[in-house]
Amino acid sequence: DATHLIGLGQASSSFGGPQLSLFDVSDIAHPKLTNVYTVDERDYDVISFADTDHYSVAYFPAQGILAFSVTGYSYDTGEDQAQTEVVHVDVDHGFARLGSMLHPGDPVGLRAVRFGQDLFSISDEEILIAELAAPDTILKTIDL
């Protein structure tokens, strides 16, 4: 909104996971960090596509939902995987993870698009469809 800014970067300069930061910029000369969300790296190293592709981030202000693409190498499966990470953004309560939409392999061009209350996670190989507020539950998969 007019007094807050969302930043997307890394948790640390030495290969930290993707991190969202919420800043209060009501006093632009003295911005205040009010909340931080770091992608849970679980069993793999994760990086954000947004580092090199701003189209991999989608913000839906009416719903307060931010979707962004990440990729990583899974030590459990020994494979690359990508996902659309979905979080709710609230200036009073910060970030709350809603879930993610996992694409196996190393897809190219991961994007998130909203139609009504559905979220579409689109890669070069498939489209995953889930409810915007419940991205962990895939409603449909369309192979491309």
N, C-alpha and C. Protein backbone atom coordinates (compact mmCIF):
# COMPACT_ATOMS: atom_id res chain seq x y z
N ASP A 1 0.84 -1.18 0.00
CA ASP A 1 0.00 0.00 0.00
C ASP A 1 0.89 1.25 0.00
N ALA A 2 0.33 2.37 0.27
CA ALA A 2 1.08 3.64 0.18
C ALA A 2 2.19 3.76 1.21
N THR A 3 2.14 2.95 2.27
CA THR A 3 3.15 3.09 3.33
C THR A 3 3.95 1.81 3.58
N HIS A 4 3.81 0.82 2.71
CA HIS A 4 4.54 -0.44 2.90
C HIS A 4 5.17 -0.90 1.59
N LEU A 5 6.28 -1.61 1.72
CA LEU A 5 7.04 -2.11 0.57
C LEU A 5 7.42 -3.56 0.85
N ILE A 6 7.27 -4.41 -0.17
CA ILE A 6 7.69 -5.81 -0.07
C ILE A 6 8.99 -5.95 -0.86
N GLY A 7 9.99 -6.56 -0.23
CA GLY A 7 11.24 -6.85 -0.90
C GLY A 7 11.44 -8.35 -1.02
N LEU A 8 12.03 -8.80 -2.11
CA LEU A 8 12.35 -10.21 -2.30
C LEU A 8 13.83 -10.32 -2.60
N GLY A 9 14.53 -11.09 -1.76
CA GLY A 9 15.96 -11.26 -1.93
C GLY A 9 16.39 -12.58 -1.33
N GLN A 10 17.58 -12.62 -0.76
CA GLN A 10 18.12 -13.82 -0.14
C GLN A 10 18.28 -13.61 1.35
N ALA A 11 18.18 -14.71 2.10
CA ALA A 11 18.30 -14.64 3.55
C ALA A 11 19.69 -14.20 3.99
N SER A 12 20.70 -14.53 3.21
CA SER A 12 22.06 -14.10 3.52
C SER A 12 22.83 -13.97 2.21
N SER A 13 23.98 -13.35 2.27
CA SER A 13 24.77 -13.19 1.05
C SER A 13 25.48 -14.47 0.63
N SER A 14 25.53 -15.45 1.50
CA SER A 14 26.23 -16.69 1.17
C SER A 14 25.23 -17.82 0.92
N PHE A 15 24.49 -17.71 -0.19
CA PHE A 15 23.57 -18.74 -0.65
C PHE A 15 22.44 -19.05 0.33
N GLY A 16 21.90 -18.02 0.98
CA GLY A 16 20.72 -18.21 1.82
C GLY A 16 19.50 -18.39 0.94
N GLY A 17 18.45 -18.94 1.51
CA GLY A 17 17.23 -19.16 0.76
C GLY A 17 16.51 -17.86 0.44
N PRO A 18 15.54 -17.91 -0.46
CA PRO A 18 14.77 -16.71 -0.79
C PRO A 18 14.07 -16.16 0.44
N GLN A 19 14.04 -14.84 0.54
CA GLN A 19 13.45 -14.18 1.70
C GLN A 19 12.60 -12.99 1.28
N LEU A 20 11.42 -12.90 1.86
CA LEU A 20 10.57 -11.73 1.70
C LEU A 20 10.77 -10.82 2.91
N SER A 21 10.77 -9.52 2.68
CA SER A 21 10.88 -8.54 3.75
C SER A 21 9.76 -7.53 3.58
N LEU A 22 9.13 -7.17 4.68
CA LEU A 22 8.07 -6.17 4.66
C LEU A 22 8.58 -4.94 5.40
N PHE A 23 8.53 -3.81 4.71
CA PHE A 23 9.03 -2.56 5.27
C PHE A 23 7.90 -1.56 5.43
N ASP A 24 7.91 -0.83 6.54
CA ASP A 24 7.04 0.32 6.73
C ASP A 24 7.83 1.52 6.22
N VAL A 25 7.33 2.16 5.17
CA VAL A 25 8.03 3.30 4.57
C VAL A 25 7.21 4.58 4.74
N SER A 26 6.38 4.62 5.79
CA SER A 26 5.59 5.83 6.02
C SER A 26 6.49 7.03 6.27
N ASP A 27 7.67 6.79 6.85
CA ASP A 27 8.72 7.82 6.95
C ASP A 27 9.84 7.34 6.02
N ILE A 28 9.81 7.81 4.78
CA ILE A 28 10.72 7.30 3.75
C ILE A 28 12.19 7.48 4.11
N ALA A 29 12.49 8.47 4.93
CA ALA A 29 13.88 8.69 5.35
C ALA A 29 14.32 7.66 6.40
N HIS A 30 13.36 6.98 7.03
CA HIS A 30 13.65 5.99 8.07
C HIS A 30 12.77 4.76 7.91
N PRO A 31 12.98 3.98 6.84
CA PRO A 31 12.16 2.77 6.65
C PRO A 31 12.41 1.77 7.78
N LYS A 32 11.35 1.04 8.15
CA LYS A 32 11.45 0.06 9.24
C LYS A 32 11.08 -1.33 8.72
N LEU A 33 11.95 -2.29 8.98
CA LEU A 33 11.67 -3.68 8.66
C LEU A 33 10.66 -4.18 9.69
N THR A 34 9.48 -4.63 9.22
CA THR A 34 8.44 -5.05 10.16
C THR A 34 8.22 -6.56 10.18
N ASN A 35 8.61 -7.28 9.11
CA ASN A 35 8.40 -8.72 9.09
C ASN A 35 9.29 -9.35 8.03
N VAL A 36 9.66 -10.61 8.26
CA VAL A 36 10.51 -11.36 7.33
C VAL A 36 9.93 -12.76 7.17
N TYR A 37 10.00 -13.28 5.95
CA TYR A 37 9.60 -14.65 5.66
C TYR A 37 10.70 -15.27 4.80
N THR A 38 11.25 -16.40 5.24
CA THR A 38 12.27 -17.11 4.47
C THR A 38 11.70 -18.44 4.02
N VAL A 39 11.90 -18.77 2.75
CA VAL A 39 11.43 -20.06 2.22
C VAL A 39 12.13 -21.16 2.99
N ASP A 40 11.33 -22.10 3.50
CA ASP A 40 11.86 -23.25 4.24
C ASP A 40 12.63 -24.13 3.28
N GLU A 41 13.92 -24.27 3.52
CA GLU A 41 14.76 -25.04 2.59
C GLU A 41 14.63 -26.55 2.77
N ARG A 42 13.95 -26.99 3.80
CA ARG A 42 13.71 -28.40 4.04
C ARG A 42 14.92 -29.27 3.70
N ASP A 43 14.79 -30.07 2.66
CA ASP A 43 15.87 -31.01 2.33
C ASP A 43 16.61 -30.62 1.06
N TYR A 44 16.53 -29.36 0.64
CA TYR A 44 17.21 -28.99 -0.58
C TYR A 44 17.62 -27.53 -0.56
N ASP A 45 18.58 -27.20 -1.42
CA ASP A 45 19.01 -25.81 -1.59
C ASP A 45 18.03 -25.11 -2.52
N VAL A 46 17.57 -23.93 -2.13
CA VAL A 46 16.54 -23.23 -2.89
C VAL A 46 17.04 -21.86 -3.31
N ILE A 47 16.71 -21.48 -4.56
CA ILE A 47 16.96 -20.12 -5.03
C ILE A 47 15.68 -19.62 -5.68
N SER A 48 15.54 -18.33 -5.81
CA SER A 48 14.36 -17.75 -6.41
C SER A 48 14.62 -17.39 -7.87
N PHE A 49 13.64 -17.68 -8.73
CA PHE A 49 13.72 -17.25 -10.12
C PHE A 49 13.70 -15.72 -10.20
N ALA A 50 13.14 -15.06 -9.19
CA ALA A 50 13.00 -13.61 -9.22
C ALA A 50 14.35 -12.88 -9.23
N ASP A 51 15.39 -13.57 -8.87
CA ASP A 51 16.73 -12.97 -8.93
C ASP A 51 17.07 -12.52 -10.35
N THR A 52 16.54 -13.23 -11.35
CA THR A 52 16.86 -12.92 -12.74
C THR A 52 15.62 -12.71 -13.61
N ASP A 53 14.42 -12.93 -13.06
CA ASP A 53 13.21 -12.85 -13.87
C ASP A 53 12.05 -12.27 -13.05
N HIS A 54 11.77 -10.99 -13.22
CA HIS A 54 10.72 -10.36 -12.42
C HIS A 54 9.33 -10.87 -12.76
N TYR A 55 9.17 -11.55 -13.88
CA TYR A 55 7.88 -12.13 -14.22
C TYR A 55 7.54 -13.35 -13.36
N SER A 56 8.48 -13.84 -12.59
CA SER A 56 8.23 -15.01 -11.76
C SER A 56 7.58 -14.63 -10.42
N VAL A 57 7.23 -13.36 -10.26
CA VAL A 57 6.56 -12.88 -9.05
C VAL A 57 5.19 -12.32 -9.45
N ALA A 58 4.15 -12.72 -8.72
CA ALA A 58 2.81 -12.21 -8.96
C ALA A 58 2.20 -11.80 -7.63
N TYR A 59 1.66 -10.58 -7.58
CA TYR A 59 1.02 -10.09 -6.35
C TYR A 59 -0.43 -9.77 -6.67
N PHE A 60 -1.31 -10.27 -5.83
CA PHE A 60 -2.74 -10.07 -5.98
C PHE A 60 -3.21 -9.23 -4.79
N PRO A 61 -3.17 -7.89 -4.91
CA PRO A 61 -3.41 -7.01 -3.76
C PRO A 61 -4.80 -7.15 -3.14
N ALA A 62 -5.83 -7.40 -3.93
CA ALA A 62 -7.18 -7.52 -3.37
C ALA A 62 -7.27 -8.70 -2.39
N GLN A 63 -6.49 -9.74 -2.65
CA GLN A 63 -6.48 -10.92 -1.76
C GLN A 63 -5.31 -10.88 -0.79
N GLY A 64 -4.37 -9.96 -0.98
CA GLY A 64 -3.18 -9.91 -0.13
C GLY A 64 -2.31 -11.13 -0.31
N ILE A 65 -2.24 -11.65 -1.52
CA ILE A 65 -1.49 -12.89 -1.78
C ILE A 65 -0.36 -12.63 -2.76
N LEU A 66 0.81 -13.16 -2.41
CA LEU A 66 2.01 -13.05 -3.24
C LEU A 66 2.43 -14.47 -3.63
N ALA A 67 2.66 -14.68 -4.93
CA ALA A 67 3.14 -15.96 -5.44
C ALA A 67 4.45 -15.72 -6.16
N PHE A 68 5.46 -16.54 -5.87
CA PHE A 68 6.75 -16.40 -6.53
C PHE A 68 7.38 -17.76 -6.73
N SER A 69 8.19 -17.85 -7.77
CA SER A 69 8.77 -19.13 -8.17
C SER A 69 10.14 -19.34 -7.55
N VAL A 70 10.38 -20.57 -7.12
CA VAL A 70 11.69 -20.96 -6.60
C VAL A 70 12.08 -22.29 -7.21
N THR A 71 13.36 -22.56 -7.23
CA THR A 71 13.86 -23.84 -7.73
C THR A 71 14.96 -24.32 -6.80
N GLY A 72 15.21 -25.61 -6.82
CA GLY A 72 16.26 -26.14 -5.97
C GLY A 72 16.59 -27.59 -6.28
N TYR A 73 17.63 -28.05 -5.64
CA TYR A 73 18.08 -29.44 -5.78
C TYR A 73 17.67 -30.19 -4.52
N SER A 74 16.93 -31.27 -4.68
CA SER A 74 16.48 -32.08 -3.55
C SER A 74 17.52 -33.16 -3.24
N TYR A 75 18.02 -33.15 -2.03
CA TYR A 75 18.98 -34.18 -1.61
C TYR A 75 18.29 -35.52 -1.42
N ASP A 76 17.00 -35.51 -1.08
CA ASP A 76 16.26 -36.75 -0.89
C ASP A 76 16.03 -37.49 -2.21
N THR A 77 15.63 -36.76 -3.24
CA THR A 77 15.33 -37.40 -4.52
C THR A 77 16.49 -37.38 -5.50
N GLY A 78 17.47 -36.51 -5.25
CA GLY A 78 18.59 -36.37 -6.16
C GLY A 78 18.22 -35.68 -7.46
N GLU A 79 17.13 -34.90 -7.43
CA GLU A 79 16.65 -34.22 -8.63
C GLU A 79 16.38 -32.75 -8.35
N ASP A 80 16.37 -31.98 -9.43
CA ASP A 80 15.94 -30.59 -9.34
C ASP A 80 14.43 -30.56 -9.26
N GLN A 81 13.90 -29.55 -8.61
CA GLN A 81 12.46 -29.34 -8.57
C GLN A 81 12.19 -27.85 -8.45
N ALA A 82 11.03 -27.45 -8.92
CA ALA A 82 10.64 -26.05 -8.86
C ALA A 82 9.24 -25.97 -8.28
N GLN A 83 8.94 -24.81 -7.69
CA GLN A 83 7.62 -24.65 -7.11
C GLN A 83 7.21 -23.19 -7.11
N THR A 84 5.91 -22.99 -7.08
CA THR A 84 5.36 -21.66 -6.87
C THR A 84 5.03 -21.57 -5.39
N GLU A 85 5.72 -20.72 -4.68
CA GLU A 85 5.52 -20.50 -3.24
C GLU A 85 4.44 -19.43 -3.09
N VAL A 86 3.48 -19.65 -2.19
CA VAL A 86 2.34 -18.74 -2.03
C VAL A 86 2.24 -18.30 -0.57
N VAL A 87 2.22 -16.98 -0.36
CA VAL A 87 2.13 -16.43 0.99
C VAL A 87 1.05 -15.35 1.05
N HIS A 88 0.45 -15.22 2.21
CA HIS A 88 -0.49 -14.13 2.46
C HIS A 88 0.30 -12.99 3.10
N VAL A 89 0.03 -11.77 2.65
CA VAL A 89 0.73 -10.59 3.16
C VAL A 89 -0.28 -9.70 3.87
N ASP A 90 0.02 -9.37 5.12
CA ASP A 90 -0.85 -8.48 5.91
C ASP A 90 0.06 -7.50 6.65
N VAL A 91 -0.20 -6.21 6.50
CA VAL A 91 0.71 -5.22 7.11
C VAL A 91 0.71 -5.30 8.63
N ASP A 92 -0.38 -5.79 9.25
CA ASP A 92 -0.44 -5.89 10.71
C ASP A 92 0.16 -7.19 11.23
N HIS A 93 0.06 -8.28 10.44
CA HIS A 93 0.50 -9.59 10.91
C HIS A 93 1.67 -10.17 10.12
N GLY A 94 2.10 -9.49 9.07
CA GLY A 94 3.24 -9.96 8.29
C GLY A 94 2.88 -11.03 7.29
N PHE A 95 3.80 -11.96 7.08
CA PHE A 95 3.66 -13.02 6.08
C PHE A 95 3.15 -14.31 6.72
N ALA A 96 2.29 -15.00 6.00
CA ALA A 96 1.83 -16.32 6.44
C ALA A 96 1.86 -17.24 5.22
N ARG A 97 2.60 -18.32 5.32
CA ARG A 97 2.70 -19.27 4.20
C ARG A 97 1.37 -19.98 3.98
N LEU A 98 0.89 -19.96 2.74
CA LEU A 98 -0.33 -20.67 2.39
C LEU A 98 -0.03 -22.04 1.80
N GLY A 99 1.15 -22.19 1.21
CA GLY A 99 1.54 -23.47 0.62
C GLY A 99 2.35 -23.27 -0.64
N SER A 100 2.48 -24.35 -1.42
CA SER A 100 3.24 -24.27 -2.66
C SER A 100 2.71 -25.28 -3.66
N MET A 101 3.05 -25.03 -4.91
CA MET A 101 2.65 -25.92 -6.00
C MET A 101 3.93 -26.46 -6.62
N LEU A 102 4.19 -27.75 -6.43
CA LEU A 102 5.47 -28.37 -6.80
C LEU A 102 5.45 -28.91 -8.22
N HIS A 103 6.48 -28.52 -8.98
CA HIS A 103 6.70 -29.04 -10.34
C HIS A 103 7.95 -29.91 -10.28
N PRO A 104 7.85 -31.20 -10.61
CA PRO A 104 9.05 -32.05 -10.61
C PRO A 104 9.98 -31.69 -11.76
N GLY A 105 11.23 -32.07 -11.62
CA GLY A 105 12.21 -31.78 -12.66
C GLY A 105 12.70 -30.36 -12.57
N ASP A 106 13.16 -29.85 -13.68
CA ASP A 106 13.73 -28.51 -13.73
C ASP A 106 13.01 -27.69 -14.80
N PRO A 107 11.72 -27.34 -14.54
CA PRO A 107 10.96 -26.64 -15.56
C PRO A 107 11.49 -25.23 -15.81
N VAL A 108 11.18 -24.73 -16.99
CA VAL A 108 11.62 -23.40 -17.40
C VAL A 108 10.40 -22.48 -17.41
N GLY A 109 10.61 -21.21 -17.08
CA GLY A 109 9.57 -20.21 -17.24
C GLY A 109 8.41 -20.32 -16.29
N LEU A 110 8.64 -20.70 -15.05
CA LEU A 110 7.57 -20.85 -14.07
C LEU A 110 6.88 -19.52 -13.82
N ARG A 111 5.55 -19.50 -13.94
CA ARG A 111 4.73 -18.30 -13.75
C ARG A 111 3.51 -18.64 -12.92
N ALA A 112 2.96 -17.64 -12.24
CA ALA A 112 1.70 -17.80 -11.51
C ALA A 112 0.70 -16.79 -12.05
N VAL A 113 -0.51 -17.29 -12.31
CA VAL A 113 -1.59 -16.46 -12.83
C VAL A 113 -2.85 -16.80 -12.06
N ARG A 114 -3.66 -15.79 -11.75
CA ARG A 114 -4.90 -16.01 -11.02
C ARG A 114 -6.08 -15.78 -11.96
N PHE A 115 -7.04 -16.71 -11.90
CA PHE A 115 -8.33 -16.55 -12.57
C PHE A 115 -9.40 -16.78 -11.52
N GLY A 116 -10.11 -15.73 -11.13
CA GLY A 116 -11.09 -15.86 -10.06
C GLY A 116 -10.39 -16.26 -8.78
N GLN A 117 -10.82 -17.35 -8.19
CA GLN A 117 -10.21 -17.84 -6.95
C GLN A 117 -9.24 -18.99 -7.19
N ASP A 118 -8.88 -19.22 -8.45
CA ASP A 118 -7.95 -20.30 -8.79
C ASP A 118 -6.58 -19.73 -9.14
N LEU A 119 -5.54 -20.45 -8.75
CA LEU A 119 -4.17 -20.08 -9.06
C LEU A 119 -3.62 -21.11 -10.04
N PHE A 120 -3.03 -20.62 -11.12
CA PHE A 120 -2.44 -21.46 -12.14
C PHE A 120 -0.92 -21.31 -12.05
N SER A 121 -0.22 -22.40 -11.81
CA SER A 121 1.24 -22.41 -11.81
C SER A 121 1.66 -23.03 -13.14
N ILE A 122 2.30 -22.23 -13.99
CA ILE A 122 2.56 -22.64 -15.36
C ILE A 122 4.06 -22.81 -15.59
N SER A 123 4.44 -23.97 -16.09
CA SER A 123 5.83 -24.22 -16.48
C SER A 123 5.85 -24.55 -17.96
N ASP A 124 7.01 -24.87 -18.49
CA ASP A 124 7.10 -25.26 -19.89
C ASP A 124 6.58 -26.67 -20.14
N GLU A 125 6.29 -27.43 -19.06
CA GLU A 125 5.86 -28.81 -19.20
C GLU A 125 4.42 -29.06 -18.76
N GLU A 126 3.90 -28.22 -17.83
CA GLU A 126 2.57 -28.49 -17.29
C GLU A 126 1.97 -27.24 -16.65
N ILE A 127 0.66 -27.31 -16.44
CA ILE A 127 -0.05 -26.28 -15.70
C ILE A 127 -0.69 -26.96 -14.50
N LEU A 128 -0.43 -26.43 -13.31
CA LEU A 128 -1.05 -26.92 -12.09
C LEU A 128 -2.11 -25.91 -11.67
N ILE A 129 -3.27 -26.39 -11.25
CA ILE A 129 -4.36 -25.51 -10.84
C ILE A 129 -4.75 -25.86 -9.41
N ALA A 130 -4.85 -24.81 -8.57
CA ALA A 130 -5.25 -24.98 -7.17
C ALA A 130 -6.06 -23.75 -6.76
N GLU A 131 -6.75 -23.86 -5.63
CA GLU A 131 -7.42 -22.69 -5.09
C GLU A 131 -6.35 -21.72 -4.61
N LEU A 132 -6.61 -20.44 -4.80
CA LEU A 132 -5.65 -19.41 -4.43
C LEU A 132 -5.25 -19.50 -2.96
N ALA A 133 -6.20 -19.76 -2.08
CA ALA A 133 -5.92 -19.81 -0.65
C ALA A 133 -5.46 -21.19 -0.16
N ALA A 134 -5.42 -22.18 -1.05
CA ALA A 134 -5.02 -23.54 -0.66
C ALA A 134 -4.16 -24.16 -1.76
N PRO A 135 -2.98 -23.59 -2.02
CA PRO A 135 -2.16 -24.06 -3.14
C PRO A 135 -1.57 -25.46 -2.99
N ASP A 136 -1.54 -26.01 -1.79
CA ASP A 136 -1.01 -27.36 -1.58
C ASP A 136 -1.90 -28.44 -2.20
N THR A 137 -3.18 -28.12 -2.40
CA THR A 137 -4.11 -29.10 -2.95
C THR A 137 -4.31 -28.82 -4.44
N ILE A 138 -3.66 -29.62 -5.26
CA ILE A 138 -3.74 -29.46 -6.71
C ILE A 138 -5.08 -30.02 -7.19
N LEU A 139 -5.87 -29.17 -7.84
CA LEU A 139 -7.18 -29.56 -8.34
C LEU A 139 -7.09 -30.24 -9.70
N LYS A 140 -6.12 -29.79 -10.50
CA LYS A 140 -5.98 -30.34 -11.85
C LYS A 140 -4.58 -30.11 -12.37
N THR A 141 -4.09 -31.04 -13.17
CA THR A 141 -2.81 -30.93 -13.85
C THR A 141 -3.06 -31.07 -15.35
N ILE A 142 -2.50 -30.13 -16.11
CA ILE A 142 -2.63 -30.18 -17.56
C ILE A 142 -1.22 -30.30 -18.14
N ASP A 143 -0.94 -31.40 -18.83
CA ASP A 143 0.36 -31.58 -19.48
C ASP A 143 0.41 -30.76 -20.75
N LEU A 144 1.55 -30.14 -21.01
CA LEU A 144 1.71 -29.34 -22.22
C LEU A 144 2.54 -30.08 -23.24
